[in-house]
């Protein structure tokens, strides 16, 4: 309990400066999200089959080369920015609708509810299906490498995998969505690779990755700042291999 309170306090302190920087980015991005509406672009002429806005473990919210995002994609992009800056309770569908310049009823029509929109935002930023697909040949090494996916220069338009998670830890509703998501879309599929019994091992791997990710990326604990390809990544790969048991030793 004491450890949890300390971590929560550290995250809150770290989050103040982080939120200020993201607020400036958000204001700039909101202008970009409004651009199709301000220039009179007809949403009926936009394609819903645009390529995903993903970049090295983070979600790239739009691009100067893709100004005509589908309205549904613009809503999702605005939601991701909101959820990455504010808690679940602080984020309202009316605010998201206003960011995009549509009626809140249209947001409901596209996503059904705030909970479902939050789920889609989490899915788009974490990209569990892509991670597991990439990990098919060498799961321990690929899973360990995810911790380093945000290293280097980062675009102001990118939202990392943990940005929404750390904003939602104190919300019972958001925690329920996050728990269901990680179990159904990461732990259970990974367990299927490990064989039975495998849910406990897969859960340990998920907890290990999230814990290291928060300590390294959010709290920026110095001993964990080593770049990719060093002793840290090697030890993480060994730890994940150990947690995978026989499945890890035979890949």
Protein backbone atom coordinates (compact mmCIF):
# COMPACT_ATOMS: atom_id res chain seq x y z
CA UNK A 1 0.00 0.00 0.00
CA UNK A 2 2.76 2.42 0.92
CA UNK A 3 4.64 1.60 -2.29
CA UNK A 4 1.49 2.24 -4.34
CA UNK A 5 0.95 5.62 -2.69
CA UNK A 6 4.57 6.62 -3.31
CA UNK A 7 4.38 5.64 -6.99
CA UNK A 8 1.07 7.51 -7.37
CA UNK A 9 2.62 10.62 -5.81
CA UNK A 10 5.67 10.45 -8.07
CA UNK A 11 3.47 10.03 -11.12
CA UNK A 12 1.41 13.07 -10.09
CA UNK A 13 4.52 15.23 -9.67
CA UNK A 14 5.99 14.07 -12.96
CA UNK A 15 2.65 14.53 -14.64
CA UNK A 16 2.39 18.27 -13.97
CA UNK A 17 5.36 19.19 -16.13
CA UNK A 18 4.42 16.53 -18.67
CA UNK A 19 0.88 17.88 -18.96
CA UNK A 20 2.08 21.46 -19.52
CA UNK A 21 4.26 20.37 -22.44
CA UNK A 22 1.48 18.27 -23.93
CA UNK A 23 -1.03 21.12 -23.57
CA UNK A 24 1.00 23.28 -25.96
CA UNK A 25 1.20 20.35 -28.39
CA UNK A 26 -2.53 19.74 -28.00
CA UNK A 27 -3.43 23.33 -28.86
CA UNK A 28 -1.36 23.16 -32.02
CA UNK A 29 -2.87 19.82 -32.95
CA UNK A 30 -6.42 21.02 -32.34
CA UNK A 31 -5.92 23.65 -35.02
CA UNK A 32 -4.83 20.89 -37.39
CA UNK A 33 -7.86 18.76 -36.53
CA UNK A 34 -10.10 21.74 -37.30
CA UNK A 35 -8.41 22.43 -40.64
CA UNK A 36 -10.62 20.26 -42.89
CA UNK A 37 -13.74 21.93 -41.41
CA UNK A 38 -12.33 25.46 -41.72
CA UNK A 39 -11.28 24.95 -45.33
CA UNK A 40 -14.68 23.57 -46.30
CA UNK A 41 -13.52 20.03 -47.06
CA UNK A 42 -16.50 17.72 -47.53
CA UNK A 43 -16.29 14.72 -45.14
CA UNK A 44 -18.19 12.62 -47.69
CA UNK A 45 -15.09 12.76 -49.91
CA UNK A 46 -12.75 11.43 -47.25
CA UNK A 47 -11.63 7.83 -47.29
CA UNK A 48 -12.01 5.57 -44.24
CA UNK A 49 -9.29 3.26 -45.59
CA UNK A 50 -6.33 5.50 -44.82
CA UNK A 51 -3.18 3.93 -43.56
CA UNK A 52 -2.79 3.80 -39.74
CA UNK A 53 -0.95 6.68 -38.13
CA UNK A 54 1.56 4.52 -36.26
CA UNK A 55 5.25 5.14 -35.76
CA UNK A 56 7.66 2.97 -33.77
CA UNK A 57 5.49 2.08 -30.77
CA UNK A 58 3.64 5.39 -30.66
CA UNK A 59 0.58 6.63 -32.44
CA UNK A 60 1.14 9.48 -34.87
CA UNK A 61 -1.94 11.67 -34.75
CA UNK A 62 -2.37 12.70 -38.36
CA UNK A 63 0.25 14.22 -40.58
CA UNK A 64 0.85 17.30 -42.66
CA UNK A 65 0.74 14.98 -45.67
CA UNK A 66 -2.69 13.56 -44.69
CA UNK A 67 -4.90 16.61 -43.99
CA UNK A 68 -8.16 14.96 -45.09
CA UNK A 69 -8.58 12.41 -42.30
CA UNK A 70 -11.93 10.65 -42.14
CA UNK A 71 -14.20 12.24 -39.53
CA UNK A 72 -14.21 9.08 -37.42
CA UNK A 73 -10.40 9.04 -37.46
CA UNK A 74 -10.32 12.71 -36.44
CA UNK A 75 -12.60 11.95 -33.49
CA UNK A 76 -10.34 9.08 -32.43
CA UNK A 77 -7.25 11.28 -32.80
CA UNK A 78 -8.81 14.02 -30.67
CA UNK A 79 -9.86 11.44 -28.06
CA UNK A 80 -6.34 10.02 -27.88
CA UNK A 81 -4.93 13.50 -27.25
CA UNK A 82 -7.55 14.21 -24.58
CA UNK A 83 -7.14 10.87 -22.79
CA UNK A 84 -3.34 11.22 -22.89
CA UNK A 85 -3.55 14.60 -21.11
CA UNK A 86 -6.50 14.23 -18.76
CA UNK A 87 -8.04 11.53 -16.59
CA UNK A 88 -10.99 9.48 -17.80
CA UNK A 89 -13.42 11.52 -15.66
CA UNK A 90 -11.99 14.83 -16.87
CA UNK A 91 -12.44 13.88 -20.52
CA UNK A 92 -15.90 14.52 -21.94
CA UNK A 93 -17.40 13.52 -25.26
CA UNK A 94 -18.61 17.09 -25.78
CA UNK A 95 -15.03 18.36 -25.46
CA UNK A 96 -13.82 15.79 -27.98
CA UNK A 97 -16.66 16.68 -30.35
CA UNK A 98 -15.79 20.38 -30.03
CA UNK A 99 -12.13 19.64 -30.80
CA UNK A 100 -13.14 18.06 -34.10
CA UNK A 101 -16.00 20.45 -34.89
CA UNK A 102 -18.83 17.90 -34.93
CA UNK A 103 -21.97 17.41 -32.89
CA UNK A 104 -21.62 15.14 -29.86
CA UNK A 105 -24.39 12.96 -31.32
CA UNK A 106 -22.04 12.10 -34.18
CA UNK A 107 -19.42 10.89 -31.68
CA UNK A 108 -22.05 8.63 -30.11
CA UNK A 109 -23.03 7.38 -33.55
CA UNK A 110 -19.42 6.49 -34.40
CA UNK A 111 -18.35 4.93 -31.10
CA UNK A 112 -21.49 4.29 -29.05
CA UNK A 113 -20.19 5.49 -25.70
CA UNK A 114 -17.29 7.15 -23.92
CA UNK A 115 -16.15 3.73 -22.66
CA UNK A 116 -15.98 2.29 -26.18
CA UNK A 117 -14.16 5.38 -27.46
CA UNK A 118 -11.67 5.02 -24.60
CA UNK A 119 -11.17 1.36 -25.53
CA UNK A 120 -10.45 2.32 -29.14
CA UNK A 121 -7.98 4.98 -27.98
CA UNK A 122 -6.15 2.44 -25.83
CA UNK A 123 -6.14 -0.11 -28.66
CA UNK A 124 -4.71 2.42 -31.13
CA UNK A 125 -1.87 3.52 -28.84
CA UNK A 126 -0.84 0.16 -27.34
CA UNK A 127 -1.16 -1.83 -30.59
CA UNK A 128 -1.07 -5.19 -28.84
CA UNK A 129 -1.92 -7.09 -32.02
CA UNK A 130 1.07 -5.61 -33.84
CA UNK A 131 3.41 -6.35 -30.93
CA UNK A 132 2.29 -9.99 -30.73
CA UNK A 133 2.53 -10.41 -34.49
CA UNK A 134 6.08 -9.04 -34.48
CA UNK A 135 6.94 -11.31 -31.55
CA UNK A 136 5.92 -14.52 -33.31
CA UNK A 137 9.45 -15.63 -34.20
CA UNK A 138 11.38 -14.41 -31.15
CA UNK A 139 8.89 -13.34 -28.43
CA UNK A 140 11.28 -12.65 -25.55
CA UNK A 141 13.59 -10.42 -27.59
CA UNK A 142 10.78 -8.53 -29.34
CA UNK A 143 8.79 -7.98 -26.14
CA UNK A 144 11.89 -6.65 -24.36
CA UNK A 145 12.59 -4.29 -27.26
CA UNK A 146 9.19 -2.61 -26.80
CA UNK A 147 10.58 -0.73 -23.79
CA UNK A 148 12.99 1.10 -26.10
CA UNK A 149 10.48 1.89 -28.86
CA UNK A 150 10.08 5.52 -27.75
CA UNK A 151 13.79 6.33 -27.51
CA UNK A 152 15.21 9.12 -29.65
CA UNK A 153 13.53 12.15 -31.10
CA UNK A 154 9.76 12.11 -30.76
CA UNK A 155 7.27 14.04 -32.85
CA UNK A 156 4.89 16.36 -30.98
CA UNK A 157 2.04 14.47 -32.68
CA UNK A 158 2.96 11.11 -31.13
CA UNK A 159 1.21 9.59 -28.13
CA UNK A 160 3.11 6.75 -26.51
CA UNK A 161 1.69 3.44 -25.24
CA UNK A 162 1.80 4.51 -21.57
CA UNK A 163 0.50 8.07 -21.95
CA UNK A 164 -3.17 7.10 -21.62
CA UNK A 165 -2.49 4.36 -19.05
CA UNK A 166 -0.81 6.66 -16.52
CA UNK A 167 -3.67 9.17 -16.77
CA UNK A 168 -6.23 6.45 -16.04
CA UNK A 169 -4.74 4.57 -13.08
CA UNK A 170 -6.89 6.37 -10.51
CA UNK A 171 -10.18 5.84 -12.36
CA UNK A 172 -12.20 2.71 -11.51
CA UNK A 173 -14.07 2.86 -14.84
CA UNK A 174 -10.93 3.34 -16.89
CA UNK A 175 -9.09 0.70 -14.88
CA UNK A 176 -11.86 -1.77 -15.71
CA UNK A 177 -11.47 -1.05 -19.43
CA UNK A 178 -7.68 -1.30 -19.23
CA UNK A 179 -7.89 -4.58 -17.32
CA UNK A 180 -10.27 -6.11 -19.85
CA UNK A 181 -8.17 -4.86 -22.76
CA UNK A 182 -4.84 -6.16 -21.50
CA UNK A 183 -6.32 -9.54 -20.55
CA UNK A 184 -8.26 -10.05 -23.77
CA UNK A 185 -5.84 -8.53 -26.27
CA UNK A 186 -2.42 -9.22 -24.79
CA UNK A 187 -2.38 -11.71 -21.93
CA UNK A 188 -4.81 -14.26 -23.41
CA UNK A 189 -3.23 -14.28 -26.91
CA UNK A 190 0.26 -14.51 -25.41
CA UNK A 191 -0.93 -17.31 -23.14
CA UNK A 192 -2.16 -19.15 -26.23
CA UNK A 193 1.41 -19.13 -27.50
CA UNK A 194 2.76 -20.38 -24.19
CA UNK A 195 0.28 -23.20 -23.79
CA UNK A 196 -1.53 -24.19 -20.62
CA UNK A 197 -1.01 -23.25 -17.90
CA UNK A 198 0.06 -19.92 -19.38
CA UNK A 199 -2.19 -17.09 -18.14
CA UNK A 200 -0.08 -16.53 -15.04
CA UNK A 201 3.16 -16.43 -17.02
CA UNK A 202 1.64 -14.08 -19.61
CA UNK A 203 0.30 -11.85 -16.82
CA UNK A 204 3.74 -11.69 -15.23
CA UNK A 205 5.28 -10.65 -18.56
CA UNK A 206 2.65 -7.91 -18.99
CA UNK A 207 3.26 -6.63 -15.44
CA UNK A 208 7.02 -6.72 -16.01
CA UNK A 209 6.79 -4.67 -19.22
CA UNK A 210 4.39 -2.09 -17.80
CA UNK A 211 6.41 -1.73 -14.61
CA UNK A 212 9.71 -1.26 -16.41
CA UNK A 213 8.04 1.09 -18.88
CA UNK A 214 6.70 3.37 -16.12
CA UNK A 215 9.96 3.34 -14.18
CA UNK A 216 12.01 4.06 -17.29
CA UNK A 217 9.81 6.37 -19.37
CA UNK A 218 7.61 8.17 -16.84
CA UNK A 219 9.71 8.28 -13.67
CA UNK A 220 12.98 8.19 -15.65
CA UNK A 221 14.87 6.10 -13.08
CA UNK A 222 18.54 6.57 -13.97
CA UNK A 223 19.78 2.92 -13.98
CA UNK A 224 17.05 2.09 -16.53
CA UNK A 225 18.03 4.79 -19.06
CA UNK A 226 20.52 2.61 -20.91
CA UNK A 227 19.86 2.65 -24.69
CA UNK A 228 18.72 -0.32 -26.71
CA UNK A 229 21.22 -3.08 -27.38
CA UNK A 230 22.91 -3.01 -23.98
CA UNK A 231 22.93 -4.99 -20.75
CA UNK A 232 19.44 -3.80 -19.74
CA UNK A 233 17.81 -5.20 -22.86
CA UNK A 234 19.80 -8.44 -22.55
CA UNK A 235 18.69 -8.95 -18.95
CA UNK A 236 15.09 -8.11 -19.80
CA UNK A 237 15.14 -10.68 -22.61
CA UNK A 238 16.53 -13.28 -20.19
CA UNK A 239 13.86 -12.44 -17.59
CA UNK A 240 11.03 -12.75 -20.13
CA UNK A 241 12.49 -16.03 -21.42
CA UNK A 242 12.51 -17.33 -17.86
CA UNK A 243 8.89 -16.24 -17.30
CA UNK A 244 7.85 -17.95 -20.52
CA UNK A 245 9.20 -21.25 -19.25
CA UNK A 246 9.52 -24.06 -21.79
CA UNK A 247 7.89 -21.96 -24.55
CA UNK A 248 10.59 -19.33 -24.21
CA UNK A 249 13.42 -21.85 -24.32
CA UNK A 250 12.15 -23.46 -27.51
CA UNK A 251 11.78 -20.32 -29.67
